Amino acid sequence: MNGKLAIVGDGDSIMVFKAAGVATFPAENEAKAREVLRRIAKDYQIIFLTEELARPLTEYLKRFDEQPYPVILSIPSKNGSTGYGTELLKSAMERALGVDILFNN
């Protein structure tokens, strides 16, 4: 698992990553995304997950917080950002540092 990257999301949103050499795993809904994550979690260090799939999987994704890998990062899809990835980043920062140093809210 030497620095391996993957992305899980709808087909259109992940195509650009495939062109960049990132392993792509299409998932059109929450159930498929959960199945894919379960299957690839041991093989990839960083997994990008589109925001539309990450939000409904919030509780499921918490199981990965206790492990060093994989790091699962929520990113915008082809439809743009919903703000969910930013919410997760802010929450993780506050947990780790005890203060919000980027958003100052």
N, C-alpha and C. Protein backbone atom coordinates (compact mmCIF):
# COMPACT_ATOMS: atom_id res chain seq x y z
N MET A 1 0.84 -1.18 0.00
CA MET A 1 0.00 0.00 0.00
C MET A 1 0.88 1.25 0.00
N ASN A 2 1.78 1.34 -0.89
CA ASN A 2 2.74 2.43 -0.93
C ASN A 2 2.17 3.66 -1.63
N GLY A 3 1.48 4.53 -0.87
CA GLY A 3 0.97 5.79 -1.40
C GLY A 3 -0.11 5.64 -2.45
N LYS A 4 -0.87 4.58 -2.41
CA LYS A 4 -1.88 4.34 -3.41
C LYS A 4 -3.10 5.24 -3.20
N LEU A 5 -3.59 5.80 -4.32
CA LEU A 5 -4.74 6.69 -4.31
C LEU A 5 -5.90 6.05 -5.05
N ALA A 6 -7.12 6.33 -4.58
CA ALA A 6 -8.32 5.87 -5.25
C ALA A 6 -9.40 6.93 -5.13
N ILE A 7 -10.38 6.87 -6.01
CA ILE A 7 -11.54 7.74 -5.91
C ILE A 7 -12.79 6.91 -6.14
N VAL A 8 -13.82 7.23 -5.35
CA VAL A 8 -15.12 6.59 -5.45
C VAL A 8 -16.13 7.69 -5.73
N GLY A 9 -16.92 7.52 -6.78
CA GLY A 9 -17.93 8.51 -7.12
C GLY A 9 -18.65 8.16 -8.39
N ASP A 10 -19.53 9.05 -8.82
CA ASP A 10 -20.24 8.79 -10.07
C ASP A 10 -19.26 8.84 -11.24
N GLY A 11 -19.59 8.14 -12.29
CA GLY A 11 -18.69 7.98 -13.43
C GLY A 11 -18.13 9.26 -14.00
N ASP A 12 -18.98 10.27 -14.18
CA ASP A 12 -18.52 11.53 -14.77
C ASP A 12 -17.54 12.27 -13.85
N SER A 13 -17.77 12.19 -12.55
CA SER A 13 -16.92 12.93 -11.60
C SER A 13 -15.53 12.32 -11.44
N ILE A 14 -15.40 11.04 -11.70
CA ILE A 14 -14.12 10.38 -11.45
C ILE A 14 -13.24 10.23 -12.69
N MET A 15 -13.78 10.52 -13.86
CA MET A 15 -13.03 10.32 -15.10
C MET A 15 -11.71 11.10 -15.15
N VAL A 16 -11.71 12.33 -14.71
CA VAL A 16 -10.49 13.13 -14.76
C VAL A 16 -9.40 12.51 -13.88
N PHE A 17 -9.79 11.87 -12.79
CA PHE A 17 -8.82 11.21 -11.92
C PHE A 17 -8.22 9.99 -12.62
N LYS A 18 -9.03 9.28 -13.37
CA LYS A 18 -8.53 8.12 -14.11
C LYS A 18 -7.45 8.56 -15.09
N ALA A 19 -7.67 9.69 -15.74
CA ALA A 19 -6.68 10.22 -16.69
C ALA A 19 -5.37 10.56 -15.98
N ALA A 20 -5.44 10.88 -14.69
CA ALA A 20 -4.26 11.23 -13.91
C ALA A 20 -3.61 10.01 -13.26
N GLY A 21 -4.14 8.82 -13.53
CA GLY A 21 -3.54 7.61 -13.00
C GLY A 21 -4.05 7.15 -11.65
N VAL A 22 -5.12 7.77 -11.15
CA VAL A 22 -5.71 7.37 -9.87
C VAL A 22 -6.68 6.22 -10.13
N ALA A 23 -6.68 5.23 -9.24
CA ALA A 23 -7.61 4.12 -9.38
C ALA A 23 -9.03 4.63 -9.17
N THR A 24 -9.91 4.32 -10.10
CA THR A 24 -11.28 4.83 -10.03
C THR A 24 -12.26 3.69 -9.78
N PHE A 25 -13.26 3.99 -8.94
CA PHE A 25 -14.28 3.02 -8.59
C PHE A 25 -15.64 3.70 -8.69
N PRO A 26 -16.38 3.43 -9.77
CA PRO A 26 -17.68 4.06 -9.92
C PRO A 26 -18.68 3.55 -8.89
N ALA A 27 -19.46 4.47 -8.35
CA ALA A 27 -20.54 4.14 -7.42
C ALA A 27 -21.64 5.17 -7.62
N GLU A 28 -22.78 4.73 -8.05
CA GLU A 28 -23.88 5.64 -8.36
C GLU A 28 -24.78 5.92 -7.17
N ASN A 29 -24.59 5.17 -6.06
CA ASN A 29 -25.43 5.41 -4.89
C ASN A 29 -24.67 5.03 -3.61
N GLU A 30 -25.30 5.33 -2.50
CA GLU A 30 -24.69 5.11 -1.19
C GLU A 30 -24.37 3.63 -0.93
N ALA A 31 -25.27 2.74 -1.29
CA ALA A 31 -25.04 1.30 -1.06
C ALA A 31 -23.83 0.80 -1.83
N LYS A 32 -23.72 1.19 -3.08
CA LYS A 32 -22.59 0.77 -3.91
C LYS A 32 -21.28 1.37 -3.36
N ALA A 33 -21.33 2.63 -2.92
CA ALA A 33 -20.13 3.27 -2.37
C ALA A 33 -19.67 2.55 -1.11
N ARG A 34 -20.59 2.16 -0.26
CA ARG A 34 -20.24 1.44 0.97
C ARG A 34 -19.57 0.11 0.61
N GLU A 35 -20.13 -0.59 -0.35
CA GLU A 35 -19.58 -1.87 -0.79
C GLU A 35 -18.16 -1.69 -1.34
N VAL A 36 -17.97 -0.68 -2.17
CA VAL A 36 -16.65 -0.41 -2.75
C VAL A 36 -15.65 -0.05 -1.66
N LEU A 37 -16.04 0.82 -0.74
CA LEU A 37 -15.13 1.22 0.35
C LEU A 37 -14.72 0.02 1.18
N ARG A 38 -15.66 -0.83 1.49
CA ARG A 38 -15.36 -2.02 2.27
C ARG A 38 -14.32 -2.89 1.54
N ARG A 39 -14.46 -2.98 0.23
CA ARG A 39 -13.58 -3.82 -0.57
C ARG A 39 -12.17 -3.24 -0.75
N ILE A 40 -12.05 -1.92 -0.87
CA ILE A 40 -10.74 -1.32 -1.20
C ILE A 40 -10.01 -0.70 -0.02
N ALA A 41 -10.63 -0.60 1.14
CA ALA A 41 -10.05 0.13 2.28
C ALA A 41 -8.66 -0.37 2.68
N LYS A 42 -8.40 -1.65 2.55
CA LYS A 42 -7.10 -2.20 2.96
C LYS A 42 -6.01 -1.98 1.93
N ASP A 43 -6.41 -1.63 0.72
CA ASP A 43 -5.44 -1.54 -0.37
C ASP A 43 -5.00 -0.12 -0.74
N TYR A 44 -5.67 0.89 -0.20
CA TYR A 44 -5.37 2.28 -0.58
C TYR A 44 -5.15 3.14 0.65
N GLN A 45 -4.16 4.03 0.56
CA GLN A 45 -3.87 4.93 1.68
C GLN A 45 -4.79 6.14 1.69
N ILE A 46 -5.08 6.67 0.51
CA ILE A 46 -5.95 7.83 0.40
C ILE A 46 -7.08 7.50 -0.56
N ILE A 47 -8.31 7.72 -0.09
CA ILE A 47 -9.48 7.47 -0.92
C ILE A 47 -10.29 8.76 -0.97
N PHE A 48 -10.47 9.27 -2.16
CA PHE A 48 -11.34 10.42 -2.37
C PHE A 48 -12.75 9.89 -2.57
N LEU A 49 -13.73 10.59 -1.99
CA LEU A 49 -15.12 10.20 -2.07
C LEU A 49 -15.93 11.44 -2.38
N THR A 50 -16.76 11.39 -3.40
CA THR A 50 -17.53 12.59 -3.75
C THR A 50 -18.51 12.94 -2.63
N GLU A 51 -18.75 14.23 -2.47
CA GLU A 51 -19.58 14.73 -1.37
C GLU A 51 -20.97 14.12 -1.36
N GLU A 52 -21.58 13.91 -2.52
CA GLU A 52 -22.93 13.34 -2.56
C GLU A 52 -22.98 11.95 -1.95
N LEU A 53 -21.88 11.21 -2.04
CA LEU A 53 -21.83 9.88 -1.43
C LEU A 53 -21.34 9.94 0.01
N ALA A 54 -20.47 10.88 0.32
CA ALA A 54 -19.90 10.96 1.67
C ALA A 54 -20.94 11.37 2.71
N ARG A 55 -21.79 12.32 2.37
CA ARG A 55 -22.76 12.81 3.36
C ARG A 55 -23.65 11.69 3.90
N PRO A 56 -24.29 10.87 3.06
CA PRO A 56 -25.13 9.81 3.63
C PRO A 56 -24.33 8.69 4.32
N LEU A 57 -23.03 8.65 4.09
CA LEU A 57 -22.19 7.62 4.70
C LEU A 57 -21.43 8.12 5.93
N THR A 58 -21.83 9.26 6.46
CA THR A 58 -21.11 9.87 7.58
C THR A 58 -20.86 8.90 8.72
N GLU A 59 -21.88 8.20 9.17
CA GLU A 59 -21.73 7.27 10.29
C GLU A 59 -20.81 6.11 9.92
N TYR A 60 -20.94 5.59 8.73
CA TYR A 60 -20.09 4.49 8.27
C TYR A 60 -18.62 4.93 8.21
N LEU A 61 -18.38 6.14 7.75
CA LEU A 61 -17.00 6.63 7.58
C LEU A 61 -16.29 6.86 8.91
N LYS A 62 -17.03 7.01 10.00
CA LYS A 62 -16.41 7.23 11.31
C LYS A 62 -15.52 6.06 11.72
N ARG A 63 -15.79 4.87 11.21
CA ARG A 63 -14.97 3.70 11.56
C ARG A 63 -13.54 3.86 11.09
N PHE A 64 -13.31 4.69 10.09
CA PHE A 64 -11.96 4.89 9.57
C PHE A 64 -11.18 5.94 10.35
N ASP A 65 -11.85 6.70 11.22
CA ASP A 65 -11.19 7.75 12.00
C ASP A 65 -10.17 7.21 12.99
N GLU A 66 -10.36 5.99 13.44
CA GLU A 66 -9.49 5.40 14.46
C GLU A 66 -8.24 4.75 13.87
N GLN A 67 -8.15 4.68 12.55
CA GLN A 67 -7.03 4.02 11.89
C GLN A 67 -6.20 5.05 11.14
N PRO A 68 -4.90 4.80 11.01
CA PRO A 68 -4.09 5.75 10.25
C PRO A 68 -4.44 5.75 8.76
N TYR A 69 -4.80 4.57 8.23
CA TYR A 69 -5.15 4.45 6.81
C TYR A 69 -6.35 3.55 6.66
N PRO A 70 -7.17 3.81 5.68
CA PRO A 70 -7.07 4.85 4.67
C PRO A 70 -7.57 6.19 5.20
N VAL A 71 -7.07 7.24 4.61
CA VAL A 71 -7.60 8.58 4.85
C VAL A 71 -8.66 8.79 3.78
N ILE A 72 -9.87 9.08 4.20
CA ILE A 72 -10.95 9.28 3.24
C ILE A 72 -11.29 10.76 3.21
N LEU A 73 -11.16 11.34 2.02
CA LEU A 73 -11.36 12.77 1.84
C LEU A 73 -12.56 13.02 0.94
N SER A 74 -13.46 13.86 1.41
CA SER A 74 -14.64 14.21 0.64
C SER A 74 -14.30 15.35 -0.31
N ILE A 75 -14.66 15.16 -1.58
CA ILE A 75 -14.36 16.18 -2.58
C ILE A 75 -15.63 16.49 -3.38
N PRO A 76 -15.68 17.67 -4.00
CA PRO A 76 -16.84 18.00 -4.83
C PRO A 76 -16.94 17.07 -6.04
N SER A 77 -18.13 16.90 -6.52
CA SER A 77 -18.35 16.10 -7.73
C SER A 77 -18.47 17.03 -8.93
N LYS A 78 -18.87 16.49 -10.03
CA LYS A 78 -19.07 17.30 -11.24
C LYS A 78 -20.14 18.37 -11.03
N ASN A 79 -21.00 18.19 -10.04
CA ASN A 79 -22.07 19.14 -9.75
C ASN A 79 -21.60 20.31 -8.89
N GLY A 80 -20.36 20.30 -8.45
CA GLY A 80 -19.83 21.36 -7.60
C GLY A 80 -19.89 20.99 -6.13
N SER A 81 -19.43 21.88 -5.30
CA SER A 81 -19.34 21.62 -3.87
C SER A 81 -20.66 21.87 -3.16
N THR A 82 -20.96 21.00 -2.21
CA THR A 82 -22.12 21.19 -1.35
C THR A 82 -21.69 21.82 -0.02
N GLY A 83 -20.38 21.94 0.18
CA GLY A 83 -19.85 22.46 1.43
C GLY A 83 -19.56 21.38 2.45
N TYR A 84 -19.91 20.15 2.14
CA TYR A 84 -19.73 19.06 3.09
C TYR A 84 -18.26 18.77 3.37
N GLY A 85 -17.43 18.80 2.34
CA GLY A 85 -16.00 18.56 2.52
C GLY A 85 -15.37 19.60 3.44
N THR A 86 -15.79 20.84 3.29
CA THR A 86 -15.30 21.92 4.15
C THR A 86 -15.73 21.71 5.59
N GLU A 87 -16.99 21.26 5.78
CA GLU A 87 -17.48 20.97 7.12
C GLU A 87 -16.63 19.90 7.79
N LEU A 88 -16.30 18.85 7.04
CA LEU A 88 -15.48 17.77 7.59
C LEU A 88 -14.08 18.24 7.96
N LEU A 89 -13.49 19.06 7.09
CA LEU A 89 -12.16 19.59 7.36
C LEU A 89 -12.16 20.44 8.62
N LYS A 90 -13.16 21.29 8.74
CA LYS A 90 -13.26 22.15 9.92
C LYS A 90 -13.41 21.32 11.19
N SER A 91 -14.26 20.32 11.14
CA SER A 91 -14.49 19.46 12.30
C SER A 91 -13.22 18.70 12.68
N ALA A 92 -12.51 18.16 11.70
CA ALA A 92 -11.27 17.42 11.98
C ALA A 92 -10.22 18.34 12.58
N MET A 93 -10.14 19.57 12.07
CA MET A 93 -9.17 20.54 12.59
C MET A 93 -9.47 20.88 14.05
N GLU A 94 -10.74 21.11 14.33
CA GLU A 94 -11.12 21.46 15.70
C GLU A 94 -10.85 20.30 16.65
N ARG A 95 -11.09 19.07 16.17
CA ARG A 95 -10.80 17.89 17.00
C ARG A 95 -9.32 17.76 17.27
N ALA A 96 -8.51 17.96 16.24
CA ALA A 96 -7.06 17.77 16.37
C ALA A 96 -6.38 18.91 17.12
N LEU A 97 -6.80 20.14 16.85
CA LEU A 97 -6.11 21.30 17.40
C LEU A 97 -6.86 22.00 18.53
N GLY A 98 -8.14 21.74 18.63
CA GLY A 98 -8.94 22.39 19.66
C GLY A 98 -9.39 23.78 19.26
N VAL A 99 -9.07 24.19 18.04
CA VAL A 99 -9.44 25.53 17.59
C VAL A 99 -9.54 25.52 16.06
N ASP A 100 -10.34 26.39 15.53
CA ASP A 100 -10.50 26.52 14.08
C ASP A 100 -9.51 27.57 13.59
N ILE A 101 -8.40 27.12 12.97
CA ILE A 101 -7.38 28.09 12.53
C ILE A 101 -7.55 28.57 11.11
N LEU A 102 -8.35 27.87 10.32
CA LEU A 102 -8.53 28.27 8.92
C LEU A 102 -9.75 29.12 8.67
N PHE A 103 -10.85 28.77 9.29
CA PHE A 103 -12.12 29.41 8.97
C PHE A 103 -12.49 30.53 9.94
N ASN A 104 -11.88 30.54 11.13
CA ASN A 104 -12.07 31.59 12.13
C ASN A 104 -13.53 31.90 12.42
N ASN A 105 -14.33 30.86 12.57
CA ASN A 105 -15.76 31.06 12.92
C ASN A 105 -16.00 30.64 14.34
